[in-house]
Amino acid sequence: MKSKFNLKVLNRLILLNVLPKQTNFLALKLIKDLEDKISFNENEQKELELKILENGLPAWNGEKDKGKEFEIGEKTQDIIIDALKKLDKDNKLTKDHFSTYEMFVKE
């Protein structure tokens, strides 16, 4: 079953960075579909004033970040949850992960 999530820029960036790079073919297909869906198109980049700073970190206009609704399927949610839980288990979560973790991991 698909669920709707209102993802802000930081949530989208976190997801794009925590998704596994290596797994089985079926999971990779779901990951690729999600990455294509939540990546930022040219219009969004312009609207959000999204850019990469000299230090390599992303920056955007937070006042323009109202979030965007995405439907995410159950198996894809499981992949996200597993990736976030692995970060938690390995003590690699940061404060940037907090809202994304709370959004997906229901404990």
Protein backbone atom coordinates (compact mmCIF):
# COMPACT_ATOMS: atom_id res chain seq x y z
CA MET A 1 0.00 0.00 0.00
CA LYS A 2 1.29 3.44 -0.90
CA SER A 3 1.50 6.20 1.68
CA LYS A 4 1.77 9.94 1.12
CA PHE A 5 4.69 11.88 2.58
CA ASN A 6 5.24 15.63 2.54
CA LEU A 7 9.00 15.83 2.00
CA LYS A 8 10.95 19.04 2.46
CA VAL A 9 14.28 19.64 0.75
CA LEU A 10 16.30 18.23 3.65
CA ASN A 11 14.17 15.06 3.78
CA ARG A 12 14.69 14.52 0.06
CA LEU A 13 18.44 15.10 0.30
CA ILE A 14 18.69 12.72 3.26
CA LEU A 15 16.79 10.01 1.38
CA LEU A 16 18.94 10.45 -1.71
CA ASN A 17 22.02 9.93 0.45
CA VAL A 18 20.93 7.06 2.72
CA LEU A 19 19.45 4.72 0.15
CA PRO A 20 21.64 1.66 -0.42
CA LYS A 21 24.00 1.73 -3.38
CA GLN A 22 24.29 -2.07 -3.53
CA THR A 23 21.48 -4.58 -3.11
CA ASN A 24 19.43 -6.97 -5.22
CA PHE A 25 17.98 -6.06 -8.62
CA LEU A 26 14.38 -5.63 -7.47
CA ALA A 27 15.40 -3.31 -4.63
CA LEU A 28 17.66 -1.34 -6.98
CA LYS A 29 14.71 -0.83 -9.33
CA LEU A 30 12.60 0.58 -6.47
CA ILE A 31 15.49 2.77 -5.31
CA LYS A 32 16.04 4.13 -8.83
CA ASP A 33 12.33 4.90 -9.18
CA LEU A 34 12.32 6.74 -5.85
CA GLU A 35 15.49 8.67 -6.69
CA ASP A 36 13.97 9.76 -10.01
CA LYS A 37 10.78 10.83 -8.23
CA ILE A 38 12.35 12.84 -5.37
CA SER A 39 15.27 14.39 -7.27
CA PHE A 40 15.04 18.10 -7.99
CA ASN A 41 14.10 19.17 -11.49
CA GLU A 42 15.30 22.43 -13.01
CA ASN A 43 12.15 24.36 -12.06
CA GLU A 44 12.37 23.23 -8.43
CA GLN A 45 16.04 24.15 -8.26
CA LYS A 46 15.23 27.64 -9.49
CA GLU A 47 12.13 28.05 -7.30
CA LEU A 48 13.91 26.85 -4.13
CA GLU A 49 17.14 28.68 -5.03
CA LEU A 50 18.87 25.33 -4.55
CA LYS A 51 22.62 25.44 -5.11
CA ILE A 52 25.83 23.73 -4.07
CA LEU A 53 28.19 25.91 -2.05
CA GLU A 54 31.96 26.01 -2.50
CA ASN A 55 32.31 23.62 0.46
CA GLY A 56 30.17 21.08 -1.41
CA LEU A 57 27.13 21.43 0.83
CA PRO A 58 23.67 22.18 -0.54
CA ALA A 59 21.87 25.43 0.28
CA TRP A 60 18.34 26.60 -0.46
CA ASN A 61 15.82 29.25 0.51
CA GLY A 62 14.05 27.69 3.50
CA GLU A 63 11.18 30.16 3.29
CA LYS A 64 10.26 28.77 -0.12
CA ASP A 65 10.46 25.14 1.06
CA LYS A 66 6.85 24.20 1.72
CA GLY A 67 7.50 20.54 1.03
CA LYS A 68 6.20 18.38 -1.77
CA GLU A 69 3.90 15.40 -1.49
CA PHE A 70 5.12 12.03 -2.73
CA GLU A 71 3.48 8.63 -2.77
CA ILE A 72 5.88 5.92 -1.65
CA GLY A 73 5.07 2.23 -1.87
CA GLU A 74 5.34 -0.19 1.03
CA LYS A 75 8.41 -2.07 -0.23
CA THR A 76 10.22 1.20 -0.93
CA GLN A 77 9.30 2.39 2.56
CA ASP A 78 10.82 -0.82 3.94
CA ILE A 79 14.08 -0.07 2.10
CA ILE A 80 14.11 3.46 3.56
CA ILE A 81 13.35 2.18 7.08
CA ASP A 82 16.08 -0.47 6.87
CA ALA A 83 18.62 2.14 5.72
CA LEU A 84 17.70 4.54 8.52
CA LYS A 85 17.70 1.79 11.15
CA LYS A 86 21.14 0.68 9.97
CA LEU A 87 22.44 4.20 10.49
CA ASP A 88 20.89 4.18 13.95
CA LYS A 89 22.40 0.80 14.83
CA ASP A 90 25.82 1.98 13.62
CA ASN A 91 25.47 5.23 15.63
CA LYS A 92 25.74 7.25 12.41
CA LEU A 93 22.55 9.27 12.66
CA THR A 94 22.95 13.04 12.81
CA LYS A 95 20.51 15.80 13.70
CA ASP A 96 19.90 16.24 9.96
CA HIS A 97 18.41 12.72 9.87
CA PHE A 98 16.01 13.40 12.76
CA SER A 99 12.81 14.49 10.96
CA THR A 100 13.26 11.93 8.18
CA TYR A 101 13.83 9.15 10.73
CA GLU A 102 10.70 10.14 12.66
CA MET A 103 8.69 10.34 9.45
CA PHE A 104 9.49 6.76 8.35
CA VAL A 105 10.49 4.75 11.43
CA LYS A 106 7.43 4.19 13.61
CA GLU A 107 8.65 2.69 16.86
